[in-house]
Amino acid sequence: MAVAVASAPLDLAAPRGSDHTYPSENQGSVSISIKEIASGHQMTNGKNENLLIVSPYEEEPHLLDLRTLDSANQILAQALTGLKCLRSDYATAPYVEIFNWTEVIESVRQQVATSDFDWKENSFYIVVFRSQIPPTTVYADLGVLDKAAHAEATKSGGFLKYWFGSPDASGRNLATCVWRNLHDARVGSVGEAHRKAAGAARQLYTEWKIERLRLLIKDDAKEWEISQWVD
């Protein structure tokens, strides 16, 4: 889990022993049906094809409503359901090497081809939260804060993906968020739940660091890169 501090992820520290595995701007009106985009991706047990599971939290307040997104963001959100962690040292490893980004972008490319969508160069906002938690931290307390902050951020809109790991032997961990854009991230991190989480961070974490990155996916999703975010 991860405390969302000023556009950062939420409240980061999955309980030890959990079963968690390693796992824009609008471009016009939505021209692809949600059912077409969603085909073959993780949905909410068939209850509502418009709602997508994009985090470890599967209750409805935490689900992404695809109807609130344009086509490009729908496609990326679907692709991000396949985001997987590739390294056990994710807490300290270089960000680009932690996840299966090549496969995620390939999923984008396949959806673009299948739907005949004209993908134009687009960028998305990534926040990385690296933290260290002392042995005295109560993980259940972090979980309560994190879940409330995540629901709050989801309600604000544009929150495409949330992933967090478990603390390593030194208490180090990583969480990451993918947002539609910087504006959405800022709006999503100013509510009451985020203020409570941010205040608790000063007491619950030994240290934390925020990284801001840009995911750039070029025309036709043929090329992509992740780089430092520059305002």
Protein backbone atom coordinates (compact mmCIF):
# COMPACT_ATOMS: atom_id res chain seq x y z
CA MET A 1 0.00 0.00 0.00
CA ALA A 2 1.15 3.58 -0.40
CA VAL A 3 0.24 6.95 1.00
CA ALA A 4 -0.77 9.27 -1.80
CA VAL A 5 1.17 12.40 -1.02
CA ALA A 6 0.69 15.20 -3.54
CA SER A 7 -0.03 13.13 -6.60
CA ALA A 8 1.86 10.11 -5.26
CA PRO A 9 0.44 6.65 -4.73
CA LEU A 10 -1.57 5.93 -1.68
CA ASP A 11 -0.54 4.08 1.46
CA LEU A 12 2.00 1.34 0.76
CA ALA A 13 2.69 -1.70 2.82
CA ALA A 14 1.00 -4.96 2.11
CA PRO A 15 0.94 -7.21 5.18
CA ARG A 16 3.75 -9.73 5.36
CA GLY A 17 2.53 -13.10 4.27
CA SER A 18 -0.23 -11.72 2.04
CA ASP A 19 -1.09 -13.61 -1.12
CA HIS A 20 -0.26 -10.63 -3.28
CA THR A 21 1.98 -11.90 -6.08
CA TYR A 22 4.75 -10.11 -7.88
CA PRO A 23 2.85 -9.39 -10.10
CA SER A 24 -4.44 12.56 -21.40
CA GLU A 25 -5.74 14.34 -22.92
CA ASN A 26 -8.98 13.40 -24.69
CA GLN A 27 -8.57 12.56 -28.34
CA GLY A 28 -12.24 12.88 -29.17
CA SER A 29 -15.34 10.91 -28.41
CA VAL A 30 -15.20 7.21 -27.67
CA SER A 31 -15.52 5.41 -30.98
CA ILE A 32 -14.94 1.84 -29.80
CA SER A 33 -17.50 -0.12 -27.82
CA ILE A 34 -16.45 -0.94 -24.28
CA LYS A 35 -17.44 -4.56 -24.84
CA GLU A 36 -15.12 -4.75 -27.84
CA ILE A 37 -12.17 -3.31 -25.92
CA ALA A 38 -12.85 -5.39 -22.82
CA SER A 39 -12.89 -8.70 -24.63
CA GLY A 40 -10.37 -11.07 -23.07
CA HIS A 41 -9.49 -8.81 -20.14
CA GLN A 42 -10.18 -8.99 -16.43
CA MET A 43 -13.62 -7.62 -15.55
CA THR A 44 -15.80 -7.71 -12.45
CA ASN A 45 -17.08 -11.27 -12.53
CA GLY A 46 -19.50 -10.38 -15.30
CA LYS A 47 -21.63 -8.14 -13.09
CA ASN A 48 -20.94 -4.99 -15.08
CA GLU A 49 -18.83 -4.95 -18.21
CA ASN A 50 -18.21 -1.22 -17.78
CA LEU A 51 -16.28 -1.69 -14.52
CA LEU A 52 -12.67 -2.83 -14.52
CA ILE A 53 -10.55 -4.23 -11.70
CA VAL A 54 -7.38 -2.12 -11.75
CA SER A 55 -6.00 -2.64 -8.23
CA PRO A 56 -5.83 -5.27 -5.48
CA TYR A 57 -9.18 -3.91 -4.24
CA GLU A 58 -12.13 -5.53 -6.01
CA GLU A 59 -15.11 -3.85 -4.34
CA GLU A 60 -17.16 -1.51 -6.53
CA PRO A 61 -15.86 1.80 -5.07
CA HIS A 62 -12.40 0.75 -6.27
CA LEU A 63 -13.34 -0.19 -9.84
CA LEU A 64 -12.57 1.91 -12.90
CA ASP A 65 -15.63 2.93 -14.92
CA LEU A 66 -14.55 2.64 -18.54
CA ARG A 67 -17.38 4.92 -19.62
CA THR A 68 -15.52 7.87 -18.09
CA LEU A 69 -12.55 7.44 -20.44
CA ASP A 70 -11.83 8.13 -24.08
CA SER A 71 -10.78 5.27 -26.35
CA ALA A 72 -7.02 5.57 -25.81
CA ASN A 73 -7.35 5.50 -22.02
CA GLN A 74 -9.79 2.61 -22.17
CA ILE A 75 -7.29 0.64 -24.22
CA LEU A 76 -4.37 1.37 -21.89
CA ALA A 77 -6.43 0.58 -18.79
CA GLN A 78 -7.34 -2.77 -20.29
CA ALA A 79 -3.73 -3.48 -21.15
CA LEU A 80 -2.62 -2.57 -17.63
CA THR A 81 -4.75 -5.35 -16.16
CA GLY A 82 -1.91 -7.56 -17.40
CA LEU A 83 0.80 -5.61 -15.58
CA LYS A 84 3.07 -8.06 -13.75
CA CYS A 85 6.09 -7.66 -11.53
CA LEU A 86 9.15 -9.45 -12.90
CA ARG A 87 11.65 -8.98 -10.07
CA SER A 88 11.68 -9.88 -6.39
CA ASP A 89 13.84 -6.82 -5.67
CA TYR A 90 11.18 -4.42 -6.98
CA ALA A 91 11.54 -2.18 -3.94
CA THR A 92 14.95 -0.98 -5.13
CA ALA A 93 15.22 -2.01 -8.81
CA PRO A 94 15.07 0.49 -11.70
CA TYR A 95 11.41 1.13 -12.42
CA VAL A 96 11.41 0.25 -16.12
CA GLU A 97 12.90 -3.18 -15.32
CA ILE A 98 10.35 -4.07 -12.64
CA PHE A 99 7.29 -4.70 -14.78
CA ASN A 100 6.41 -6.40 -18.08
CA TRP A 101 5.97 -3.14 -19.96
CA THR A 102 6.77 -4.74 -23.32
CA GLU A 103 3.81 -7.08 -22.93
CA VAL A 104 1.55 -4.26 -21.77
CA ILE A 105 2.35 -2.20 -24.84
CA GLU A 106 1.92 -5.25 -27.06
CA SER A 107 -1.57 -5.59 -25.61
CA VAL A 108 -2.23 -1.95 -26.50
CA ARG A 109 -0.97 -2.63 -30.01
CA GLN A 110 -3.19 -5.69 -30.42
CA GLN A 111 -6.28 -3.85 -29.21
CA VAL A 112 -5.55 -0.99 -31.60
CA ALA A 113 -5.28 -3.43 -34.50
CA THR A 114 -8.38 -5.40 -33.54
CA SER A 115 -10.56 -2.34 -33.05
CA ASP A 116 -9.13 -0.39 -35.98
CA PHE A 117 -8.56 2.55 -33.63
CA ASP A 118 -6.25 5.31 -34.85
CA TRP A 119 -3.80 5.57 -31.93
CA LYS A 120 -2.04 8.91 -31.85
CA GLU A 121 0.98 9.71 -29.69
CA ASN A 122 -0.17 10.09 -26.11
CA SER A 123 1.47 10.37 -22.70
CA PHE A 124 0.34 9.19 -19.29
CA TYR A 125 1.43 10.09 -15.77
CA ILE A 126 3.12 7.52 -13.53
CA VAL A 127 3.86 7.93 -9.84
CA VAL A 128 6.29 5.65 -8.01
CA PHE A 129 6.36 5.50 -4.22
CA ARG A 130 9.39 3.82 -2.63
CA SER A 131 9.27 3.45 1.11
CA GLN A 132 10.76 1.84 4.17
CA ILE A 133 8.67 0.86 7.16
CA PRO A 134 10.03 0.09 10.64
CA PRO A 135 9.08 -3.13 12.47
CA THR A 136 6.85 -1.09 14.78
CA THR A 137 4.43 -0.14 12.00
CA VAL A 138 1.05 -1.86 12.22
CA TYR A 139 0.25 -3.04 8.70
CA ALA A 140 -3.47 -3.18 9.35
CA ASP A 141 -3.45 0.55 10.05
CA LEU A 142 -1.73 1.19 6.73
CA GLY A 143 -4.28 -0.97 4.96
CA VAL A 144 -7.22 1.02 6.28
CA LEU A 145 -5.66 4.31 5.19
CA ASP A 146 -4.67 2.95 1.80
CA LYS A 147 -8.05 1.53 0.95
CA ALA A 148 -9.88 4.74 1.82
CA ALA A 149 -7.43 6.83 -0.20
CA HIS A 150 -7.73 4.51 -3.18
CA ALA A 151 -11.53 4.73 -3.24
CA GLU A 152 -11.25 8.50 -3.03
CA ALA A 153 -8.79 8.64 -5.92
CA THR A 154 -10.90 6.29 -8.03
CA LYS A 155 -13.97 8.47 -7.54
CA SER A 156 -12.09 11.55 -8.75
CA GLY A 157 -11.44 9.91 -12.14
CA GLY A 158 -8.57 9.05 -14.46
CA PHE A 159 -6.93 6.50 -12.14
CA LEU A 160 -5.93 3.75 -14.58
CA LYS A 161 -3.84 1.37 -12.46
CA TYR A 162 -2.64 0.82 -8.88
CA TRP A 163 -0.08 -1.82 -7.85
CA PHE A 164 1.75 -2.39 -4.60
CA GLY A 165 4.09 -5.04 -3.28
CA SER A 166 5.00 -6.43 0.13
CA PRO A 167 7.84 -5.11 2.31
CA ASP A 168 11.16 -6.93 1.96
CA ALA A 169 13.29 -8.05 4.91
CA SER A 170 14.42 -4.46 5.45
CA GLY A 171 10.89 -3.10 5.30
CA ARG A 172 11.39 -1.58 1.85
CA ASN A 173 8.51 -1.58 -0.60
CA LEU A 174 7.20 -0.05 -3.80
CA ALA A 175 3.81 1.11 -5.03
CA THR A 176 2.92 2.66 -8.34
CA CYS A 177 -0.01 4.44 -9.96
CA VAL A 178 -0.78 5.16 -13.59
CA TRP A 179 -3.00 8.17 -14.24
CA ARG A 180 -4.62 9.58 -17.34
CA ASN A 181 -2.70 12.81 -16.76
CA LEU A 182 -1.06 14.97 -14.11
CA HIS A 183 -4.22 16.99 -13.52
CA ASP A 184 -6.19 13.88 -12.56
CA ALA A 185 -3.44 12.80 -10.18
CA ARG A 186 -3.48 16.15 -8.43
CA VAL A 187 -7.25 16.23 -8.12
CA GLY A 188 -7.28 12.66 -6.87
CA SER A 189 -4.84 13.27 -4.04
CA VAL A 190 -6.31 16.28 -2.22
CA GLY A 191 -9.28 14.73 -0.43
CA GLU A 192 -9.75 14.00 3.26
CA ALA A 193 -8.63 10.37 3.03
CA HIS A 194 -5.38 11.43 1.37
CA ARG A 195 -4.76 14.10 3.98
CA LYS A 196 -5.13 11.50 6.72
CA ALA A 197 -2.82 9.09 4.90
CA ALA A 198 -0.22 11.78 4.28
CA GLY A 199 -0.27 12.80 7.93
CA ALA A 200 0.17 9.21 9.06
CA ALA A 201 3.10 8.69 6.69
CA ARG A 202 5.34 10.85 8.83
CA GLN A 203 4.84 8.45 11.72
CA LEU A 204 4.52 5.10 9.96
CA TYR A 205 7.44 5.29 7.52
CA THR A 206 11.14 5.49 8.19
CA GLU A 207 11.60 7.10 4.80
CA TRP A 208 9.85 7.51 1.48
CA LYS A 209 10.64 8.80 -1.98
CA ILE A 210 8.37 9.85 -4.83
CA GLU A 211 9.31 9.50 -8.50
CA ARG A 212 7.28 11.09 -11.30
CA LEU A 213 7.50 9.44 -14.71
CA ARG A 214 5.97 9.82 -18.15
CA LEU A 215 4.76 6.87 -20.19
CA LEU A 216 4.85 7.93 -23.83
CA ILE A 217 3.17 5.68 -26.40
CA LYS A 218 3.79 6.86 -29.95
CA ASP A 219 1.64 6.66 -33.09
CA ASP A 220 0.05 3.26 -33.70
CA ALA A 221 1.62 2.12 -30.40
CA LYS A 222 4.69 1.06 -32.35
CA GLU A 223 7.16 2.69 -29.96
CA TRP A 224 7.08 3.63 -26.31
CA GLU A 225 9.28 4.95 -23.54
CA ILE A 226 9.21 5.74 -19.84
CA SER A 227 11.15 8.82 -18.80
CA GLN A 228 11.33 11.38 -16.02
CA TRP A 229 8.31 13.66 -15.89
CA VAL A 230 9.08 17.27 -16.76
CA ASP A 231 6.36 19.85 -16.14
